[in-house]
Amino acid sequence: MQCELCQREMERLTVHHLIPRQAVKRKKAEPGPTIDICSACHRQIHSLYSNNELAKYLNTLEKLRNEPKMQKFLAWIEKQKPNKRIRVR
């Protein structure tokens, strides 16, 4: 399986809601689109951005990929081995 963000081949992926569930629960709306990403990318997204920022500005795969902080992370992580445990700060 390939992470949709970093493109690495991974054994397991996590589901990332492009519009955080918290934002749609209040409105009782459908959960919206998701992407399958590795846990390192998932943790990095949530460490860099608030749910509000994700819902308003980074609600597509392309917007996430093109965000400067994520581009820096993706350039680094693409070189890492899939089984390496990645710390997120």
PDB file of N, CA and C in Angstrom:
ATOM      1  N   MET A   1       0.848  -1.185   0.000  1.00  0.00           N
ATOM      2  CA  MET A   1       0.000   0.000   0.000  1.00  0.00           C
ATOM      3  C   MET A   1       0.886   1.238   0.000  1.00  0.00           C
ATOM      4  N   GLN A   2       0.455   2.229  -0.714  1.00  0.00           N
ATOM      5  CA  GLN A   2       1.263   3.429  -0.853  1.00  0.00           C
ATOM      6  C   GLN A   2       0.589   4.614  -0.159  1.00  0.00           C
ATOM      7  N   CYS A   3       1.379   5.333   0.638  1.00  0.00           N
ATOM      8  CA  CYS A   3       0.884   6.550   1.286  1.00  0.00           C
ATOM      9  C   CYS A   3       0.578   7.579   0.197  1.00  0.00           C
ATOM     10  N   GLU A   4      -0.602   8.161   0.272  1.00  0.00           N
ATOM     11  CA  GLU A   4      -0.999   9.132  -0.754  1.00  0.00           C
ATOM     12  C   GLU A   4      -0.236  10.449  -0.648  1.00  0.00           C
ATOM     13  N   LEU A   5       0.395  10.705   0.498  1.00  0.00           N
ATOM     14  CA  LEU A   5       1.167  11.939   0.644  1.00  0.00           C
ATOM     15  C   LEU A   5       2.644  11.742   0.301  1.00  0.00           C
ATOM     16  N   CYS A   6       3.319  10.854   1.020  1.00  0.00           N
ATOM     17  CA  CYS A   6       4.767  10.711   0.821  1.00  0.00           C
ATOM     18  C   CYS A   6       5.125   9.681  -0.249  1.00  0.00           C
ATOM     19  N   GLN A   7       4.143   8.930  -0.727  1.00  0.00           N
ATOM     20  CA  GLN A   7       4.339   7.949  -1.798  1.00  0.00           C
ATOM     21  C   GLN A   7       5.192   6.741  -1.399  1.00  0.00           C
ATOM     22  N   ARG A   8       5.464   6.568  -0.096  1.00  0.00           N
ATOM     23  CA  ARG A   8       6.249   5.407   0.330  1.00  0.00           C
ATOM     24  C   ARG A   8       5.350   4.180   0.389  1.00  0.00           C
ATOM     25  N   GLU A   9       5.932   3.028   0.103  1.00  0.00           N
ATOM     26  CA  GLU A   9       5.217   1.756   0.238  1.00  0.00           C
ATOM     27  C   GLU A   9       5.219   1.373   1.717  1.00  0.00           C
ATOM     28  N   MET A  10       4.033   1.178   2.270  1.00  0.00           N
ATOM     29  CA  MET A  10       3.891   0.910   3.702  1.00  0.00           C
ATOM     30  C   MET A  10       3.078  -0.360   3.926  1.00  0.00           C
ATOM     31  N   GLU A  11       3.297  -0.991   5.075  1.00  0.00           N
ATOM     32  CA  GLU A  11       2.499  -2.164   5.430  1.00  0.00           C
ATOM     33  C   GLU A  11       1.093  -1.758   5.849  1.00  0.00           C
ATOM     34  N   ARG A  12       1.013  -0.641   6.588  1.00  0.00           N
ATOM     35  CA  ARG A  12      -0.295  -0.179   7.082  1.00  0.00           C
ATOM     36  C   ARG A  12      -0.453   1.309   6.809  1.00  0.00           C
ATOM     37  N   LEU A  13      -1.679   1.694   6.561  1.00  0.00           N
ATOM     38  CA  LEU A  13      -1.996   3.109   6.362  1.00  0.00           C
ATOM     39  C   LEU A  13      -3.106   3.506   7.317  1.00  0.00           C
ATOM     40  N   THR A  14      -3.223   4.802   7.558  1.00  0.00           N
ATOM     41  CA  THR A  14      -4.312   5.310   8.382  1.00  0.00           C
ATOM     42  C   THR A  14      -5.221   6.159   7.502  1.00  0.00           C
ATOM     43  N   VAL A  15      -6.441   6.331   7.950  1.00  0.00           N
ATOM     44  CA  VAL A  15      -7.403   7.139   7.197  1.00  0.00           C
ATOM     45  C   VAL A  15      -7.380   8.562   7.760  1.00  0.00           C
ATOM     46  N   HIS A  16      -7.135   9.517   6.883  1.00  0.00           N
ATOM     47  CA  HIS A  16      -7.155  10.932   7.278  1.00  0.00           C
ATOM     48  C   HIS A  16      -8.376  11.587   6.649  1.00  0.00           C
ATOM     49  N   HIS A  17      -9.211  12.200   7.487  1.00  0.00           N
ATOM     50  CA  HIS A  17     -10.374  12.937   6.993  1.00  0.00           C
ATOM     51  C   HIS A  17      -9.898  14.310   6.529  1.00  0.00           C
ATOM     52  N   LEU A  18     -10.104  14.620   5.272  1.00  0.00           N
ATOM     53  CA  LEU A  18      -9.646  15.904   4.736  1.00  0.00           C
ATOM     54  C   LEU A  18     -10.342  17.074   5.417  1.00  0.00           C
ATOM     55  N   ILE A  19     -11.577  16.887   5.808  1.00  0.00           N
ATOM     56  CA  ILE A  19     -12.276  17.853   6.648  1.00  0.00           C
ATOM     57  C   ILE A  19     -12.451  17.148   7.991  1.00  0.00           C
ATOM     58  N   PRO A  20     -11.766  17.633   9.041  1.00  0.00           N
ATOM     59  CA  PRO A  20     -11.796  16.929  10.330  1.00  0.00           C
ATOM     60  C   PRO A  20     -13.216  16.591  10.780  1.00  0.00           C
ATOM     61  N   ARG A  21     -13.348  15.393  11.347  1.00  0.00           N
ATOM     62  CA  ARG A  21     -14.665  14.932  11.788  1.00  0.00           C
ATOM     63  C   ARG A  21     -15.299  15.900  12.772  1.00  0.00           C
ATOM     64  N   GLN A  22     -14.489  16.506  13.605  1.00  0.00           N
ATOM     65  CA  GLN A  22     -15.006  17.457  14.589  1.00  0.00           C
ATOM     66  C   GLN A  22     -15.752  18.606  13.898  1.00  0.00           C
ATOM     67  N   ALA A  23     -15.276  19.031  12.731  1.00  0.00           N
ATOM     68  CA  ALA A  23     -15.905  20.134  12.003  1.00  0.00           C
ATOM     69  C   ALA A  23     -17.253  19.724  11.417  1.00  0.00           C
ATOM     70  N   VAL A  24     -17.411  18.459  11.028  1.00  0.00           N
ATOM     71  CA  VAL A  24     -18.667  18.042  10.408  1.00  0.00           C
ATOM     72  C   VAL A  24     -19.665  17.487  11.426  1.00  0.00           C
ATOM     73  N   LYS A  25     -19.182  17.024  12.568  1.00  0.00           N
ATOM     74  CA  LYS A  25     -20.094  16.487  13.589  1.00  0.00           C
ATOM     75  C   LYS A  25     -21.062  17.554  14.061  1.00  0.00           C
ATOM     76  N   ARG A  26     -20.533  18.746  14.310  1.00  0.00           N
ATOM     77  CA  ARG A  26     -21.385  19.844  14.811  1.00  0.00           C
ATOM     78  C   ARG A  26     -22.513  20.166  13.839  1.00  0.00           C
ATOM     79  N   LYS A  27     -22.207  20.078  12.558  1.00  0.00           N
ATOM     80  CA  LYS A  27     -23.200  20.407  11.530  1.00  0.00           C
ATOM     81  C   LYS A  27     -24.016  19.192  11.127  1.00  0.00           C
ATOM     82  N   LYS A  28     -23.712  18.049  11.742  1.00  0.00           N
ATOM     83  CA  LYS A  28     -24.375  16.786  11.411  1.00  0.00           C
ATOM     84  C   LYS A  28     -24.294  16.505   9.907  1.00  0.00           C
ATOM     85  N   ALA A  29     -23.136  16.819   9.344  1.00  0.00           N
ATOM     86  CA  ALA A  29     -22.915  16.627   7.911  1.00  0.00           C
ATOM     87  C   ALA A  29     -22.197  15.307   7.670  1.00  0.00           C
ATOM     88  N   GLU A  30     -22.126  14.916   6.417  1.00  0.00           N
ATOM     89  CA  GLU A  30     -21.389  13.714   6.029  1.00  0.00           C
ATOM     90  C   GLU A  30     -19.910  13.925   6.357  1.00  0.00           C
ATOM     91  N   PRO A  31     -19.200  12.852   6.727  1.00  0.00           N
ATOM     92  CA  PRO A  31     -17.793  13.000   7.100  1.00  0.00           C
ATOM     93  C   PRO A  31     -16.892  13.529   5.990  1.00  0.00           C
ATOM     94  N   GLY A  32     -17.269  13.371   4.751  1.00  0.00           N
ATOM     95  CA  GLY A  32     -16.470  13.923   3.665  1.00  0.00           C
ATOM     96  C   GLY A  32     -15.373  12.990   3.203  1.00  0.00           C
ATOM     97  N   PRO A  33     -14.556  13.470   2.256  1.00  0.00           N
ATOM     98  CA  PRO A  33     -13.529  12.627   1.640  1.00  0.00           C
ATOM     99  C   PRO A  33     -12.389  12.303   2.599  1.00  0.00           C
ATOM    100  N   THR A  34     -11.748  11.167   2.343  1.00  0.00           N
ATOM    101  CA  THR A  34     -10.603  10.739   3.144  1.00  0.00           C
ATOM    102  C   THR A  34      -9.451  10.367   2.217  1.00  0.00           C
ATOM    103  N   ILE A  35      -8.255  10.316   2.795  1.00  0.00           N
ATOM    104  CA  ILE A  35      -7.088   9.812   2.080  1.00  0.00           C
ATOM    105  C   ILE A  35      -6.408   8.778   2.967  1.00  0.00           C
ATOM    106  N   ASP A  36      -5.705   7.845   2.349  1.00  0.00           N
ATOM    107  CA  ASP A  36      -4.967   6.822   3.091  1.00  0.00           C
ATOM    108  C   ASP A  36      -3.508   7.237   3.152  1.00  0.00           C
ATOM    109  N   ILE A  37      -3.036   7.491   4.376  1.00  0.00           N
ATOM    110  CA  ILE A  37      -1.666   7.959   4.555  1.00  0.00           C
ATOM    111  C   ILE A  37      -0.972   7.177   5.666  1.00  0.00           C
ATOM    112  N   CYS A  38       0.347   7.229   5.675  1.00  0.00           N
ATOM    113  CA  CYS A  38       1.103   6.537   6.719  1.00  0.00           C
ATOM    114  C   CYS A  38       0.963   7.286   8.038  1.00  0.00           C
ATOM    115  N   SER A  39       1.258   6.616   9.116  1.00  0.00           N
ATOM    116  CA  SER A  39       1.075   7.235  10.427  1.00  0.00           C
ATOM    117  C   SER A  39       2.011   8.423  10.633  1.00  0.00           C
ATOM    118  N   ALA A  40       3.216   8.396  10.050  1.00  0.00           N
ATOM    119  CA  ALA A  40       4.138   9.521  10.195  1.00  0.00           C
ATOM    120  C   ALA A  40       3.565  10.788   9.553  1.00  0.00           C
ATOM    121  N   CYS A  41       3.030  10.661   8.360  1.00  0.00           N
ATOM    122  CA  CYS A  41       2.416  11.807   7.686  1.00  0.00           C
ATOM    123  C   CYS A  41       1.198  12.295   8.479  1.00  0.00           C
ATOM    124  N   HIS A  42       0.415  11.352   8.981  1.00  0.00           N
ATOM    125  CA  HIS A  42      -0.795  11.691   9.733  1.00  0.00           C
ATOM    126  C   HIS A  42      -0.433  12.473  10.995  1.00  0.00           C
ATOM    127  N   ARG A  43       0.554  11.979  11.727  1.00  0.00           N
ATOM    128  CA  ARG A  43       0.971  12.673  12.956  1.00  0.00           C
ATOM    129  C   ARG A  43       1.546  14.048  12.634  1.00  0.00           C
ATOM    130  N   GLN A  44       2.295  14.141  11.545  1.00  0.00           N
ATOM    131  CA  GLN A  44       2.891  15.423  11.170  1.00  0.00           C
ATOM    132  C   GLN A  44       1.813  16.449  10.826  1.00  0.00           C
ATOM    133  N   ILE A  45       0.811  16.048  10.093  1.00  0.00           N
ATOM    134  CA  ILE A  45      -0.290  16.956   9.739  1.00  0.00           C
ATOM    135  C   ILE A  45      -0.919  17.531  10.996  1.00  0.00           C
ATOM    136  N   HIS A  46      -1.243  16.656  11.945  1.00  0.00           N
ATOM    137  CA  HIS A  46      -1.943  17.110  13.145  1.00  0.00           C
ATOM    138  C   HIS A  46      -1.033  17.850  14.121  1.00  0.00           C
ATOM    139  N   SER A  47       0.280  17.695  13.980  1.00  0.00           N
ATOM    140  CA  SER A  47       1.178  18.473  14.836  1.00  0.00           C
ATOM    141  C   SER A  47       1.403  19.879  14.262  1.00  0.00           C
ATOM    142  N   LEU A  48       1.273  20.022  12.954  1.00  0.00           N
ATOM    143  CA  LEU A  48       1.513  21.322  12.315  1.00  0.00           C
ATOM    144  C   LEU A  48       0.276  22.219  12.238  1.00  0.00           C
ATOM    145  N   TYR A  49      -0.894  21.605  12.106  1.00  0.00           N
ATOM    146  CA  TYR A  49      -2.090  22.397  11.804  1.00  0.00           C
ATOM    147  C   TYR A  49      -3.232  22.079  12.755  1.00  0.00           C
ATOM    148  N   SER A  50      -4.020  23.108  13.050  1.00  0.00           N
ATOM    149  CA  SER A  50      -5.220  22.903  13.858  1.00  0.00           C
ATOM    150  C   SER A  50      -6.314  22.304  12.973  1.00  0.00           C
ATOM    151  N   ASN A  51      -7.323  21.728  13.607  1.00  0.00           N
ATOM    152  CA  ASN A  51      -8.450  21.191  12.833  1.00  0.00           C
ATOM    153  C   ASN A  51      -9.133  22.298  12.046  1.00  0.00           C
ATOM    154  N   ASN A  52      -9.153  23.492  12.598  1.00  0.00           N
ATOM    155  CA  ASN A  52      -9.762  24.624  11.909  1.00  0.00           C
ATOM    156  C   ASN A  52      -8.995  24.952  10.629  1.00  0.00           C
ATOM    157  N   GLU A  53      -7.664  24.970  10.691  1.00  0.00           N
ATOM    158  CA  GLU A  53      -6.843  25.230   9.502  1.00  0.00           C
ATOM    159  C   GLU A  53      -7.037  24.136   8.462  1.00  0.00           C
ATOM    160  N   LEU A  54      -7.093  22.882   8.937  1.00  0.00           N
ATOM    161  CA  LEU A  54      -7.288  21.766   8.010  1.00  0.00           C
ATOM    162  C   LEU A  54      -8.632  21.870   7.302  1.00  0.00           C
ATOM    163  N   ALA A  55      -9.681  22.206   8.036  1.00  0.00           N
ATOM    164  CA  ALA A  55     -11.022  22.288   7.451  1.00  0.00           C
ATOM    165  C   ALA A  55     -11.129  23.431   6.443  1.00  0.00           C
ATOM    166  N   LYS A  56     -10.525  24.576   6.766  1.00  0.00           N
ATOM    167  CA  LYS A  56     -10.685  25.759   5.912  1.00  0.00           C
ATOM    168  C   LYS A  56      -9.709  25.813   4.736  1.00  0.00           C
ATOM    169  N   TYR A  57      -8.443  25.483   4.983  1.00  0.00           N
ATOM    170  CA  TYR A  57      -7.415  25.769   3.981  1.00  0.00           C
ATOM    171  C   TYR A  57      -6.729  24.541   3.389  1.00  0.00           C
ATOM    172  N   LEU A  58      -6.705  23.443   4.126  1.00  0.00           N
ATOM    173  CA  LEU A  58      -5.937  22.277   3.677  1.00  0.00           C
ATOM    174  C   LEU A  58      -6.835  21.061   3.539  1.00  0.00           C
ATOM    175  N   ASN A  59      -7.942  21.231   2.832  1.00  0.00           N
ATOM    176  CA  ASN A  59      -8.976  20.193   2.765  1.00  0.00           C
ATOM    177  C   ASN A  59      -8.941  19.346   1.493  1.00  0.00           C
ATOM    178  N   THR A  60      -7.803  19.375   0.792  1.00  0.00           N
ATOM    179  CA  THR A  60      -7.611  18.465  -0.346  1.00  0.00           C
ATOM    180  C   THR A  60      -6.189  17.905  -0.279  1.00  0.00           C
ATOM    181  N   LEU A  61      -5.975  16.809  -0.953  1.00  0.00           N
ATOM    182  CA  LEU A  61      -4.648  16.199  -1.004  1.00  0.00           C
ATOM    183  C   LEU A  61      -3.642  17.170  -1.619  1.00  0.00           C
ATOM    184  N   GLU A  62      -4.040  17.849  -2.685  1.00  0.00           N
ATOM    185  CA  GLU A  62      -3.137  18.784  -3.369  1.00  0.00           C
ATOM    186  C   GLU A  62      -2.760  19.961  -2.477  1.00  0.00           C
ATOM    187  N   LYS A  63      -3.714  20.499  -1.745  1.00  0.00           N
ATOM    188  CA  LYS A  63      -3.416  21.627  -0.850  1.00  0.00           C
ATOM    189  C   LYS A  63      -2.442  21.190   0.238  1.00  0.00           C
ATOM    190  N   LEU A  64      -2.633  19.982   0.767  1.00  0.00           N
ATOM    191  CA  LEU A  64      -1.704  19.472   1.782  1.00  0.00           C
ATOM    192  C   LEU A  64      -0.309  19.298   1.198  1.00  0.00           C
ATOM    193  N   ARG A  65      -0.232  18.701   0.013  1.00  0.00           N
ATOM    194  CA  ARG A  65       1.059  18.465  -0.643  1.00  0.00           C
ATOM    195  C   ARG A  65       1.797  19.762  -0.960  1.00  0.00           C
ATOM    196  N   ASN A  66       1.053  20.810  -1.279  1.00  0.00           N
ATOM    197  CA  ASN A  66       1.664  22.068  -1.712  1.00  0.00           C
ATOM    198  C   ASN A  66       1.924  23.047  -0.572  1.00  0.00           C
ATOM    199  N   GLU A  67       1.531  22.704   0.632  1.00  0.00           N
ATOM    200  CA  GLU A  67       1.760  23.578   1.778  1.00  0.00           C
ATOM    201  C   GLU A  67       3.251  23.539   2.117  1.00  0.00           C
ATOM    202  N   PRO A  68       3.915  24.696   2.255  1.00  0.00           N
ATOM    203  CA  PRO A  68       5.373  24.723   2.437  1.00  0.00           C
ATOM    204  C   PRO A  68       5.913  23.864   3.584  1.00  0.00           C
ATOM    205  N   LYS A  69       5.281  23.878   4.753  1.00  0.00           N
ATOM    206  CA  LYS A  69       5.778  23.069   5.878  1.00  0.00           C
ATOM    207  C   LYS A  69       5.676  21.581   5.556  1.00  0.00           C
ATOM    208  N   MET A  70       4.607  21.185   4.891  1.00  0.00           N
ATOM    209  CA  MET A  70       4.454  19.774   4.523  1.00  0.00           C
ATOM    210  C   MET A  70       5.439  19.397   3.424  1.00  0.00           C
ATOM    211  N   GLN A  71       5.698  20.290   2.488  1.00  0.00           N
ATOM    212  CA  GLN A  71       6.654  20.000   1.413  1.00  0.00           C
ATOM    213  C   GLN A  71       8.032  19.707   1.987  1.00  0.00           C
ATOM    214  N   LYS A  72       8.431  20.467   2.990  1.00  0.00           N
ATOM    215  CA  LYS A  72       9.722  20.252   3.635  1.00  0.00           C
ATOM    216  C   LYS A  72       9.760  18.870   4.295  1.00  0.00           C
ATOM    217  N   PHE A  73       8.678  18.537   5.009  1.00  0.00           N
ATOM    218  CA  PHE A  73       8.593  17.230   5.665  1.00  0.00           C
ATOM    219  C   PHE A  73       8.581  16.104   4.635  1.00  0.00           C
ATOM    220  N   LEU A  74       7.801  16.252   3.585  1.00  0.00           N
ATOM    221  CA  LEU A  74       7.686  15.208   2.569  1.00  0.00           C
ATOM    222  C   LEU A  74       9.010  14.976   1.849  1.00  0.00           C
ATOM    223  N   ALA A  75       9.763  16.051   1.589  1.00  0.00           N
ATOM    224  CA  ALA A  75      11.066  15.906   0.939  1.00  0.00           C
ATOM    225  C   ALA A  75      11.994  15.064   1.809  1.00  0.00           C
ATOM    226  N   TRP A  76      11.886  15.234   3.122  1.00  0.00           N
ATOM    227  CA  TRP A  76      12.723  14.464   4.041  1.00  0.00           C
ATOM    228  C   TRP A  76      12.229  13.026   4.184  1.00  0.00           C
ATOM    229  N   ILE A  77      10.937  12.859   4.408  1.00  0.00           N
ATOM    230  CA  ILE A  77      10.421  11.522   4.727  1.00  0.00           C
ATOM    231  C   ILE A  77      10.468  10.568   3.538  1.00  0.00           C
ATOM    232  N   GLU A  78      10.402  11.092   2.337  1.00  0.00           N
ATOM    233  CA  GLU A  78      10.472  10.233   1.150  1.00  0.00           C
ATOM    234  C   GLU A  78      11.769   9.437   1.113  1.00  0.00           C
ATOM    235  N   LYS A  79      12.802   9.932   1.794  1.00  0.00           N
ATOM    236  CA  LYS A  79      14.110   9.263   1.810  1.00  0.00           C
ATOM    237  C   LYS A  79      14.228   8.244   2.949  1.00  0.00           C
ATOM    238  N   GLN A  80      13.232   8.217   3.846  1.00  0.00           N
ATOM    239  CA  GLN A  80      13.303   7.338   5.009  1.00  0.00           C
ATOM    240  C   GLN A  80      12.757   5.945   4.683  1.00  0.00           C
ATOM    241  N   LYS A  81      13.311   4.942   5.338  1.00  0.00           N
ATOM    242  CA  LYS A  81      12.834   3.577   5.145  1.00  0.00           C
ATOM    243  C   LYS A  81      11.443   3.431   5.751  1.00  0.00           C
ATOM    244  N   PRO A  82      10.572   2.657   5.104  1.00  0.00           N
ATOM    245  CA  PRO A  82       9.188   2.506   5.579  1.00  0.00           C
ATOM    246  C   PRO A  82       9.073   1.954   7.002  1.00  0.00           C
ATOM    247  N   ASN A  83      10.024   1.128   7.433  1.00  0.00           N
ATOM    248  CA  ASN A  83       9.889   0.528   8.757  1.00  0.00           C
ATOM    249  C   ASN A  83      10.527   1.380   9.853  1.00  0.00           C
ATOM    250  N   LYS A  84      11.115   2.533   9.502  1.00  0.00           N
ATOM    251  CA  LYS A  84      11.733   3.401  10.486  1.00  0.00           C
ATOM    252  C   LYS A  84      10.658   4.138  11.276  1.00  0.00           C
ATOM    253  N   ARG A  85      10.797   4.146  12.597  1.00  0.00           N
ATOM    254  CA  ARG A  85       9.842   4.864  13.458  1.00  0.00           C
ATOM    255  C   ARG A  85      10.188   6.344  13.395  1.00  0.00           C
ATOM    256  N   ILE A  86       9.245   7.158  12.996  1.00  0.00           N
ATOM    257  CA  ILE A  86       9.473   8.589  12.792  1.00  0.00           C
ATOM    258  C   ILE A  86       8.916   9.361  13.980  1.00  0.00           C
ATOM    259  N   ARG A  87       9.774  10.190  14.571  1.00  0.00           N
ATOM    260  CA  ARG A  87       9.312  11.073  15.646  1.00  0.00           C
ATOM    261  C   ARG A  87       8.801  12.368  15.033  1.00  0.00           C
ATOM    262  N   VAL A  88       7.695  12.845  15.562  1.00  0.00           N
ATOM    263  CA  VAL A  88       7.114  14.083  15.069  1.00  0.00           C
ATOM    264  C   VAL A  88       7.214  15.120  16.171  1.00  0.00           C
ATOM    265  N   ARG A  89       7.651  16.299  15.804  1.00  0.00           N
ATOM    266  CA  ARG A  89       7.785  17.380  16.795  1.00  0.00           C
ATOM    267  C   ARG A  89       6.917  18.542  16.447  1.00  0.00           C
TER     268      ARG A  89
END
